[in-house]
PDB file of N, CA and C in Angstrom:
ATOM      1  N   MET A   1       0.847  -1.071  -0.172  1.00  0.00           N
ATOM      2  CA  MET A   1       0.026  -0.033  -0.092  1.00  0.00           C
ATOM      3  C   MET A   1       0.741   1.145  -0.046  1.00  0.00           C
ATOM      4  N   ALA A   2       0.324   2.177  -0.713  1.00  0.00           N
ATOM      5  CA  ALA A   2       0.981   3.548  -0.452  1.00  0.00           C
ATOM      6  C   ALA A   2      -0.032   4.405   0.442  1.00  0.00           C
ATOM      7  N   TYR A   3       0.587   5.662   0.554  1.00  0.00           N
ATOM      8  CA  TYR A   3      -0.308   6.791   1.331  1.00  0.00           C
ATOM      9  C   TYR A   3      -0.281   7.953   0.489  1.00  0.00           C
ATOM     10  N   ARG A   4      -1.615   8.638   0.612  1.00  0.00           N
ATOM     11  CA  ARG A   4      -1.843   9.834   0.129  1.00  0.00           C
ATOM     12  C   ARG A   4      -2.270  10.927   1.169  1.00  0.00           C
ATOM     13  N   LEU A   5      -2.059  11.897   1.089  1.00  0.00           N
ATOM     14  CA  LEU A   5      -2.637  13.070   1.875  1.00  0.00           C
ATOM     15  C   LEU A   5      -3.700  13.834   1.280  1.00  0.00           C
ATOM     16  N   THR A   6      -4.627  14.148   1.936  1.00  0.00           N
ATOM     17  CA  THR A   6      -5.760  15.329   1.548  1.00  0.00           C
ATOM     18  C   THR A   6      -5.239  16.501   1.529  1.00  0.00           C
ATOM     19  N   ARG A   7      -5.734  17.244   0.970  1.00  0.00           N
ATOM     20  CA  ARG A   7      -5.398  18.963   1.048  1.00  0.00           C
ATOM     21  C   ARG A   7      -5.413  19.411   2.412  1.00  0.00           C
ATOM     22  N   ASN A   8      -6.282  19.029   3.246  1.00  0.00           N
ATOM     23  CA  ASN A   8      -6.405  19.333   4.907  1.00  0.00           C
ATOM     24  C   ASN A   8      -5.161  18.635   5.325  1.00  0.00           C
ATOM     25  N   ALA A   9      -4.950  17.341   5.101  1.00  0.00           N
ATOM     26  CA  ALA A   9      -3.756  16.797   5.722  1.00  0.00           C
ATOM     27  C   ALA A   9      -2.347  17.770   5.729  1.00  0.00           C
ATOM     28  N   GLU A  10      -2.398  18.098   4.165  1.00  0.00           N
ATOM     29  CA  GLU A  10      -1.221  18.798   3.806  1.00  0.00           C
ATOM     30  C   GLU A  10      -1.050  20.173   4.538  1.00  0.00           C
ATOM     31  N   LYS A  11      -2.221  20.815   4.888  1.00  0.00           N
ATOM     32  CA  LYS A  11      -2.380  22.067   5.437  1.00  0.00           C
ATOM     33  C   LYS A  11      -1.782  21.793   7.035  1.00  0.00           C
ATOM     34  N   ASP A  12      -2.402  20.705   7.633  1.00  0.00           N
ATOM     35  CA  ASP A  12      -1.913  20.359   9.107  1.00  0.00           C
ATOM     36  C   ASP A  12      -0.588  19.981   9.055  1.00  0.00           C
ATOM     37  N   LEU A  13       0.061  19.454   8.010  1.00  0.00           N
ATOM     38  CA  LEU A  13       1.709  19.351   8.132  1.00  0.00           C
ATOM     39  C   LEU A  13       2.391  20.537   8.002  1.00  0.00           C
ATOM     40  N   ILE A  14       1.962  21.501   7.102  1.00  0.00           N
ATOM     41  CA  ILE A  14       2.641  22.699   7.090  1.00  0.00           C
ATOM     42  C   ILE A  14       2.332  23.569   8.498  1.00  0.00           C
ATOM     43  N   GLY A  15       1.295  23.443   8.912  1.00  0.00           N
ATOM     44  CA  GLY A  15       0.989  24.199  10.257  1.00  0.00           C
ATOM     45  C   GLY A  15       1.852  23.555  11.498  1.00  0.00           C
ATOM     46  N   ILE A  16       1.885  22.295  11.546  1.00  0.00           N
ATOM     47  CA  ILE A  16       2.776  21.630  12.393  1.00  0.00           C
ATOM     48  C   ILE A  16       4.292  22.322  12.419  1.00  0.00           C
ATOM     49  N   TYR A  17       4.844  22.400  10.926  1.00  0.00           N
ATOM     50  CA  TYR A  17       6.140  22.597  10.756  1.00  0.00           C
ATOM     51  C   TYR A  17       6.421  23.926  11.123  1.00  0.00           C
ATOM     52  N   VAL A  18       5.570  24.948  10.571  1.00  0.00           N
ATOM     53  CA  VAL A  18       5.695  26.355  10.825  1.00  0.00           C
ATOM     54  C   VAL A  18       5.644  26.419  12.612  1.00  0.00           C
ATOM     55  N   GLY A  19       4.603  26.040  13.071  1.00  0.00           N
ATOM     56  CA  GLY A  19       4.685  26.113  14.567  1.00  0.00           C
ATOM     57  C   GLY A  19       5.892  25.637  15.198  1.00  0.00           C
ATOM     58  N   GLY A  20       6.456  24.514  14.622  1.00  0.00           N
ATOM     59  CA  GLY A  20       7.446  23.850  15.431  1.00  0.00           C
ATOM     60  C   GLY A  20       8.853  24.717  15.157  1.00  0.00           C
ATOM     61  N   VAL A  21       9.039  25.150  13.923  1.00  0.00           N
ATOM     62  CA  VAL A  21      10.171  25.994  13.513  1.00  0.00           C
ATOM     63  C   VAL A  21      10.089  27.272  14.605  1.00  0.00           C
ATOM     64  N   GLY A  22       8.728  27.797  14.979  1.00  0.00           N
ATOM     65  CA  GLY A  22       8.740  28.965  15.811  1.00  0.00           C
ATOM     66  C   GLY A  22       8.874  28.709  17.065  1.00  0.00           C
ATOM     67  N   GLU A  23       8.525  27.602  17.757  1.00  0.00           N
ATOM     68  CA  GLU A  23       8.649  27.243  18.849  1.00  0.00           C
ATOM     69  C   GLU A  23       9.928  26.666  19.220  1.00  0.00           C
ATOM     70  N   LEU A  24      10.379  25.635  18.508  1.00  0.00           N
ATOM     71  CA  LEU A  24      11.556  24.897  18.856  1.00  0.00           C
ATOM     72  C   LEU A  24      12.911  24.800  18.042  1.00  0.00           C
ATOM     73  N   GLY A  25      12.508  25.559  16.675  1.00  0.00           N
ATOM     74  CA  GLY A  25      13.601  25.709  15.852  1.00  0.00           C
ATOM     75  C   GLY A  25      13.430  24.494  14.581  1.00  0.00           C
ATOM     76  N   GLU A  26      14.358  25.223  13.763  1.00  0.00           N
ATOM     77  CA  GLU A  26      14.014  24.310  12.182  1.00  0.00           C
ATOM     78  C   GLU A  26      14.497  22.836  12.294  1.00  0.00           C
ATOM     79  N   ALA A  27      15.530  22.403  13.019  1.00  0.00           N
ATOM     80  CA  ALA A  27      16.053  21.272  13.217  1.00  0.00           C
ATOM     81  C   ALA A  27      14.983  20.181  13.970  1.00  0.00           C
ATOM     82  N   VAL A  28      14.381  20.666  14.881  1.00  0.00           N
ATOM     83  CA  VAL A  28      13.392  19.978  15.559  1.00  0.00           C
ATOM     84  C   VAL A  28      12.252  19.721  14.736  1.00  0.00           C
ATOM     85  N   ALA A  29      11.739  20.836  14.047  1.00  0.00           N
ATOM     86  CA  ALA A  29      10.584  20.822  13.252  1.00  0.00           C
ATOM     87  C   ALA A  29      10.843  19.725  12.117  1.00  0.00           C
ATOM     88  N   GLU A  30      12.206  19.694  11.394  1.00  0.00           N
ATOM     89  CA  GLU A  30      12.523  18.802  10.394  1.00  0.00           C
ATOM     90  C   GLU A  30      12.211  17.364  10.815  1.00  0.00           C
ATOM     91  N   LYS A  31      12.898  17.238  12.176  1.00  0.00           N
ATOM     92  CA  LYS A  31      13.027  15.774  12.634  1.00  0.00           C
ATOM     93  C   LYS A  31      11.514  15.199  13.017  1.00  0.00           C
ATOM     94  N   TYR A  32      10.553  16.124  13.377  1.00  0.00           N
ATOM     95  CA  TYR A  32       9.102  15.778  13.812  1.00  0.00           C
ATOM     96  C   TYR A  32       8.469  15.541  12.519  1.00  0.00           C
ATOM     97  N   GLN A  33       8.646  16.286  11.210  1.00  0.00           N
ATOM     98  CA  GLN A  33       8.070  15.809  10.021  1.00  0.00           C
ATOM     99  C   GLN A  33       8.645  14.630   9.529  1.00  0.00           C
ATOM    100  N   ALA A  34       9.962  14.280   9.736  1.00  0.00           N
ATOM    101  CA  ALA A  34      10.377  13.113   9.337  1.00  0.00           C
ATOM    102  C   ALA A  34       9.849  11.826  10.043  1.00  0.00           C
ATOM    103  N   GLY A  35       9.541  12.175  11.313  1.00  0.00           N
ATOM    104  CA  GLY A  35       8.725  11.040  12.094  1.00  0.00           C
ATOM    105  C   GLY A  35       7.446  10.854  11.747  1.00  0.00           C
ATOM    106  N   LEU A  36       6.810  11.787  11.310  1.00  0.00           N
ATOM    107  CA  LEU A  36       5.527  11.896  10.857  1.00  0.00           C
ATOM    108  C   LEU A  36       5.470  11.060   9.461  1.00  0.00           C
ATOM    109  N   HIS A  37       6.226  11.201   8.656  1.00  0.00           N
ATOM    110  CA  HIS A  37       6.465  10.569   7.193  1.00  0.00           C
ATOM    111  C   HIS A  37       6.806   8.944   7.451  1.00  0.00           C
ATOM    112  N   ARG A  38       7.687   8.763   8.430  1.00  0.00           N
ATOM    113  CA  ARG A  38       7.664   7.385   8.887  1.00  0.00           C
ATOM    114  C   ARG A  38       6.624   6.558   9.588  1.00  0.00           C
ATOM    115  N   VAL A  39       5.766   7.342  10.107  1.00  0.00           N
ATOM    116  CA  VAL A  39       4.544   6.883  10.675  1.00  0.00           C
ATOM    117  C   VAL A  39       3.611   6.612   9.362  1.00  0.00           C
ATOM    118  N   PHE A  40       3.571   7.558   8.542  1.00  0.00           N
ATOM    119  CA  PHE A  40       2.618   7.386   7.337  1.00  0.00           C
ATOM    120  C   PHE A  40       3.212   6.115   6.749  1.00  0.00           C
ATOM    121  N   GLY A  41       4.460   5.843   6.470  1.00  0.00           N
ATOM    122  CA  GLY A  41       4.938   4.738   5.736  1.00  0.00           C
ATOM    123  C   GLY A  41       4.868   3.423   6.427  1.00  0.00           C
ATOM    124  N   PHE A  42       4.613   3.464   7.836  1.00  0.00           N
ATOM    125  CA  PHE A  42       4.444   2.314   8.759  1.00  0.00           C
ATOM    126  C   PHE A  42       2.895   1.961   8.475  1.00  0.00           C
ATOM    127  N   LEU A  43       1.936   3.122   8.577  1.00  0.00           N
ATOM    128  CA  LEU A  43       0.445   2.723   8.476  1.00  0.00           C
ATOM    129  C   LEU A  43       0.025   2.106   6.894  1.00  0.00           C
ATOM    130  N   SER A  44       1.054   2.663   6.023  1.00  0.00           N
ATOM    131  CA  SER A  44       0.799   1.995   4.670  1.00  0.00           C
ATOM    132  C   SER A  44       1.027   0.694   4.646  1.00  0.00           C
ATOM    133  N   ASP A  45       2.279   0.219   5.320  1.00  0.00           N
ATOM    134  CA  ASP A  45       2.631  -1.173   5.522  1.00  0.00           C
ATOM    135  C   ASP A  45       1.689  -2.031   6.353  1.00  0.00           C
ATOM    136  N   PHE A  46       1.169  -1.293   7.475  1.00  0.00           N
ATOM    137  CA  PHE A  46       0.208  -1.946   8.504  1.00  0.00           C
ATOM    138  C   PHE A  46      -0.918  -1.254   8.704  1.00  0.00           C
ATOM    139  N   PRO A  47      -1.768  -1.107   7.788  1.00  0.00           N
ATOM    140  CA  PRO A  47      -3.092  -0.184   7.540  1.00  0.00           C
ATOM    141  C   PRO A  47      -3.979  -0.608   8.728  1.00  0.00           C
ATOM    142  N   TYR A  48      -3.993  -1.771   9.238  1.00  0.00           N
ATOM    143  CA  TYR A  48      -5.032  -2.280  10.114  1.00  0.00           C
ATOM    144  C   TYR A  48      -4.488  -2.182  11.520  1.00  0.00           C
ATOM    145  N   SER A  49      -3.317  -1.555  11.778  1.00  0.00           N
ATOM    146  CA  SER A  49      -2.767  -1.320  12.965  1.00  0.00           C
ATOM    147  C   SER A  49      -3.648  -0.485  13.898  1.00  0.00           C
ATOM    148  N   ALA A  50      -4.361   0.470  13.423  1.00  0.00           N
ATOM    149  CA  ALA A  50      -5.207   1.274  14.213  1.00  0.00           C
ATOM    150  C   ALA A  50      -6.747   0.741  13.777  1.00  0.00           C
ATOM    151  N   ARG A  51      -7.635   0.435  14.969  1.00  0.00           N
ATOM    152  CA  ARG A  51      -8.677  -0.049  14.751  1.00  0.00           C
ATOM    153  C   ARG A  51      -9.629   1.263  14.283  1.00  0.00           C
ATOM    154  N   ALA A  52     -10.628   0.574  13.585  1.00  0.00           N
ATOM    155  CA  ALA A  52     -11.689   1.579  12.809  1.00  0.00           C
ATOM    156  C   ALA A  52     -12.631   2.054  13.966  1.00  0.00           C
ATOM    157  N   ARG A  53     -12.533   3.233  13.966  1.00  0.00           N
ATOM    158  CA  ARG A  53     -13.424   4.207  14.947  1.00  0.00           C
ATOM    159  C   ARG A  53     -14.908   4.145  14.517  1.00  0.00           C
ATOM    160  N   ALA A  54     -15.523   3.089  14.420  1.00  0.00           N
ATOM    161  CA  ALA A  54     -17.119   3.091  13.927  1.00  0.00           C
ATOM    162  C   ALA A  54     -17.881   4.273  14.751  1.00  0.00           C
ATOM    163  N   GLU A  55     -17.519   4.680  15.951  1.00  0.00           N
ATOM    164  CA  GLU A  55     -18.369   5.631  16.598  1.00  0.00           C
ATOM    165  C   GLU A  55     -18.407   7.099  15.960  1.00  0.00           C
ATOM    166  N   ILE A  56     -17.600   7.189  14.894  1.00  0.00           N
ATOM    167  CA  ILE A  56     -17.254   8.358  14.048  1.00  0.00           C
ATOM    168  C   ILE A  56     -17.728   8.087  12.841  1.00  0.00           C
ATOM    169  N   SER A  57     -18.664   9.255  12.395  1.00  0.00           N
ATOM    170  CA  SER A  57     -19.283   8.961  10.996  1.00  0.00           C
ATOM    171  C   SER A  57     -18.553   9.926  10.058  1.00  0.00           C
ATOM    172  N   PRO A  58     -18.097   9.510   9.028  1.00  0.00           N
ATOM    173  CA  PRO A  58     -17.788   8.264   8.679  1.00  0.00           C
ATOM    174  C   PRO A  58     -16.653   7.646   9.457  1.00  0.00           C
ATOM    175  N   PRO A  59     -16.696   6.241   9.739  1.00  0.00           N
ATOM    176  CA  PRO A  59     -15.680   5.604  10.303  1.00  0.00           C
ATOM    177  C   PRO A  59     -14.202   6.010   9.837  1.00  0.00           C
ATOM    178  N   VAL A  60     -13.239   6.382  10.761  1.00  0.00           N
ATOM    179  CA  VAL A  60     -11.772   6.360  10.527  1.00  0.00           C
ATOM    180  C   VAL A  60     -11.197   5.665  11.304  1.00  0.00           C
ATOM    181  N   ARG A  61      -9.733   5.793  10.947  1.00  0.00           N
ATOM    182  CA  ARG A  61      -8.764   5.014  11.881  1.00  0.00           C
ATOM    183  C   ARG A  61      -7.763   6.068  12.454  1.00  0.00           C
ATOM    184  N   ALA A  62      -7.239   6.111  13.655  1.00  0.00           N
ATOM    185  CA  ALA A  62      -6.627   6.987  14.336  1.00  0.00           C
ATOM    186  C   ALA A  62      -5.310   6.354  15.084  1.00  0.00           C
ATOM    187  N   HIS A  63      -4.248   6.978  14.626  1.00  0.00           N
ATOM    188  CA  HIS A  63      -2.807   6.334  15.038  1.00  0.00           C
ATOM    189  C   HIS A  63      -2.083   7.461  15.620  1.00  0.00           C
ATOM    190  N   PRO A  64      -1.707   7.387  17.070  1.00  0.00           N
ATOM    191  CA  PRO A  64      -1.016   8.534  17.619  1.00  0.00           C
ATOM    192  C   PRO A  64       0.617   8.539  17.265  1.00  0.00           C
ATOM    193  N   TYR A  65       1.102   9.774  17.080  1.00  0.00           N
ATOM    194  CA  TYR A  65       2.445  10.091  17.105  1.00  0.00           C
ATOM    195  C   TYR A  65       2.629  11.288  17.885  1.00  0.00           C
ATOM    196  N   LYS A  66       3.481  10.924  18.849  1.00  0.00           N
ATOM    197  CA  LYS A  66       3.988  11.907  19.839  1.00  0.00           C
ATOM    198  C   LYS A  66       2.607  12.875  20.401  1.00  0.00           C
ATOM    199  N   SER A  67       2.641  13.970  20.011  1.00  0.00           N
ATOM    200  CA  SER A  67       1.477  14.901  20.386  1.00  0.00           C
ATOM    201  C   SER A  67       0.352  15.095  19.509  1.00  0.00           C
ATOM    202  N   HIS A  68       0.394  14.166  18.258  1.00  0.00           N
ATOM    203  CA  HIS A  68      -0.417  14.340  17.317  1.00  0.00           C
ATOM    204  C   HIS A  68      -1.102  13.015  17.045  1.00  0.00           C
ATOM    205  N   ILE A  69      -2.421  13.139  16.407  1.00  0.00           N
ATOM    206  CA  ILE A  69      -3.081  11.909  15.934  1.00  0.00           C
ATOM    207  C   ILE A  69      -3.083  11.897  14.406  1.00  0.00           C
ATOM    208  N   VAL A  70      -2.757  10.815  13.734  1.00  0.00           N
ATOM    209  CA  VAL A  70      -2.930  10.717  12.290  1.00  0.00           C
ATOM    210  C   VAL A  70      -4.158  10.077  12.210  1.00  0.00           C
ATOM    211  N   VAL A  71      -5.161  10.729  11.458  1.00  0.00           N
ATOM    212  CA  VAL A  71      -6.370  10.273  11.017  1.00  0.00           C
ATOM    213  C   VAL A  71      -6.538   9.784   9.519  1.00  0.00           C
ATOM    214  N   TYR A  72      -6.838   8.534   9.274  1.00  0.00           N
ATOM    215  CA  TYR A  72      -6.820   8.070   8.044  1.00  0.00           C
ATOM    216  C   TYR A  72      -7.865   7.187   7.682  1.00  0.00           C
ATOM    217  N   ILE A  73      -8.155   6.917   6.439  1.00  0.00           N
ATOM    218  CA  ILE A  73      -9.068   5.719   5.965  1.00  0.00           C
ATOM    219  C   ILE A  73      -8.225   4.759   4.914  1.00  0.00           C
ATOM    220  N   ILE A  74      -8.688   3.585   4.786  1.00  0.00           N
ATOM    221  CA  ILE A  74      -8.159   2.723   3.757  1.00  0.00           C
ATOM    222  C   ILE A  74      -9.113   3.020   2.563  1.00  0.00           C
ATOM    223  N   GLU A  75      -8.253   3.034   1.613  1.00  0.00           N
ATOM    224  CA  GLU A  75      -9.064   3.312   0.280  1.00  0.00           C
ATOM    225  C   GLU A  75      -8.567   2.670  -0.924  1.00  0.00           C
ATOM    226  N   GLY A  76      -9.062   1.536  -1.255  1.00  0.00           N
ATOM    227  CA  GLY A  76      -8.698   0.644  -2.128  1.00  0.00           C
ATOM    228  C   GLY A  76      -7.192   0.092  -1.566  1.00  0.00           C
ATOM    229  N   GLN A  77      -6.302   0.237  -2.524  1.00  0.00           N
ATOM    230  CA  GLN A  77      -5.026  -0.529  -2.121  1.00  0.00           C
ATOM    231  C   GLN A  77      -3.885   0.555  -1.484  1.00  0.00           C
ATOM    232  N   ASP A  78      -4.629   1.923  -1.076  1.00  0.00           N
ATOM    233  CA  ASP A  78      -3.722   2.785  -0.364  1.00  0.00           C
ATOM    234  C   ASP A  78      -4.509   3.200   1.034  1.00  0.00           C
ATOM    235  N   ILE A  79      -3.789   4.058   1.668  1.00  0.00           N
ATOM    236  CA  ILE A  79      -4.499   4.535   2.863  1.00  0.00           C
ATOM    237  C   ILE A  79      -4.485   6.187   2.573  1.00  0.00           C
ATOM    238  N   LEU A  80      -5.592   6.852   3.035  1.00  0.00           N
ATOM    239  CA  LEU A  80      -5.773   8.210   2.626  1.00  0.00           C
ATOM    240  C   LEU A  80      -5.644   9.043   4.031  1.00  0.00           C
ATOM    241  N   ILE A  81      -4.858   9.765   4.116  1.00  0.00           N
ATOM    242  CA  ILE A  81      -4.540  10.628   5.534  1.00  0.00           C
ATOM    243  C   ILE A  81      -5.222  11.793   5.494  1.00  0.00           C
ATOM    244  N   LEU A  82      -6.394  11.816   6.228  1.00  0.00           N
ATOM    245  CA  LEU A  82      -7.300  12.975   6.154  1.00  0.00           C
ATOM    246  C   LEU A  82      -6.855  14.236   7.032  1.00  0.00           C
ATOM    247  N   GLY A  83      -5.908  13.784   8.253  1.00  0.00           N
ATOM    248  CA  GLY A  83      -5.626  14.914   9.053  1.00  0.00           C
ATOM    249  C   GLY A  83      -4.571  14.334   9.904  1.00  0.00           C
ATOM    250  N   VAL A  84      -3.837  15.302  10.350  1.00  0.00           N
ATOM    251  CA  VAL A  84      -2.606  15.036  11.517  1.00  0.00           C
ATOM    252  C   VAL A  84      -3.131  16.255  12.633  1.00  0.00           C
ATOM    253  N   ARG A  85      -3.940  15.749  13.592  1.00  0.00           N
ATOM    254  CA  ARG A  85      -4.753  16.865  14.508  1.00  0.00           C
ATOM    255  C   ARG A  85      -3.660  16.788  15.665  1.00  0.00           C
ATOM    256  N   HIS A  86      -3.771  17.602  16.666  1.00  0.00           N
ATOM    257  CA  HIS A  86      -3.239  17.583  17.960  1.00  0.00           C
ATOM    258  C   HIS A  86      -3.897  16.800  18.801  1.00  0.00           C
ATOM    259  N   GLY A  87      -3.353  16.135  19.582  1.00  0.00           N
ATOM    260  CA  GLY A  87      -3.842  14.991  20.575  1.00  0.00           C
ATOM    261  C   GLY A  87      -4.901  15.794  21.441  1.00  0.00           C
ATOM    262  N   ARG A  88      -4.555  16.883  21.932  1.00  0.00           N
ATOM    263  CA  ARG A  88      -5.697  17.792  22.838  1.00  0.00           C
ATOM    264  C   ARG A  88      -6.807  18.256  22.125  1.00  0.00           C
ATOM    265  N   GLU A  89      -6.705  18.248  20.802  1.00  0.00           N
ATOM    266  CA  GLU A  89      -7.696  18.980  19.912  1.00  0.00           C
ATOM    267  C   GLU A  89      -8.953  17.991  19.992  1.00  0.00           C
ATOM    268  N   ASP A  90     -10.134  18.614  20.051  1.00  0.00           N
ATOM    269  CA  ASP A  90     -11.343  17.696  19.658  1.00  0.00           C
ATOM    270  C   ASP A  90     -11.493  17.133  18.210  1.00  0.00           C
ATOM    271  N   TRP A  91     -10.674  16.485  17.763  1.00  0.00           N
ATOM    272  CA  TRP A  91     -10.351  16.090  16.393  1.00  0.00           C
ATOM    273  C   TRP A  91     -11.694  15.378  15.762  1.00  0.00           C
ATOM    274  N   GLN A  92     -12.283  14.818  16.557  1.00  0.00           N
ATOM    275  CA  GLN A  92     -13.524  14.027  16.170  1.00  0.00           C
ATOM    276  C   GLN A  92     -14.624  14.775  15.802  1.00  0.00           C
ATOM    277  N   ALA A  93     -14.578  15.924  16.481  1.00  0.00           N
ATOM    278  CA  ALA A  93     -15.609  16.860  15.970  1.00  0.00           C
ATOM    279  C   ALA A  93     -15.201  17.812  14.768  1.00  0.00           C
ATOM    280  N   SER A  94     -13.926  17.651  14.494  1.00  0.00           N
ATOM    281  CA  SER A  94     -13.549  18.574  13.322  1.00  0.00           C
ATOM    282  C   SER A  94     -14.166  18.245  12.072  1.00  0.00           C
ATOM    283  N   ASP A  95     -14.476  19.478  11.337  1.00  0.00           N
ATOM    284  CA  ASP A  95     -14.862  19.344   9.964  1.00  0.00           C
ATOM    285  C   ASP A  95     -13.691  19.457   9.026  1.00  0.00           C
ATOM    286  N   GLN A  96     -12.401  19.486   9.496  1.00  0.00           N
ATOM    287  CA  GLN A  96     -11.063  19.483   8.858  1.00  0.00           C
ATOM    288  C   GLN A  96     -10.849  18.217   8.229  1.00  0.00           C
ATOM    289  N   LEU A  97     -11.566  17.239   8.588  1.00  0.00           N
ATOM    290  CA  LEU A  97     -11.225  15.811   8.183  1.00  0.00           C
ATOM    291  C   LEU A  97     -11.909  15.405   7.000  1.00  0.00           C
ATOM    292  N   SER A  98     -12.576  16.100   6.274  1.00  0.00           N
ATOM    293  CA  SER A  98     -13.576  15.614   5.021  1.00  0.00           C
ATOM    294  C   SER A  98     -12.598  16.075   3.726  1.00  0.00           C
TER     295      SER A  98
END
């Protein structure tokens, strides 16, 4: 499987990077982004590692990475990453995942 990012997920990554540079510096932000992309690769290899969240409509899967949650669905032979939300955020109610 491969992974793809929605436009909202791309915006999330940019926001995480810009915020990371501002708070912690470029080197830390780069390392965090690399870690997120490693998680995306892991999820594409093991897409069922996160359970389906049937209580959310439509059902999604959510996998943690440090202080963020990677929200995705399995779409054909790929995973589609809907968003990368902060763990303290009410991401389940977010309209940014569509």
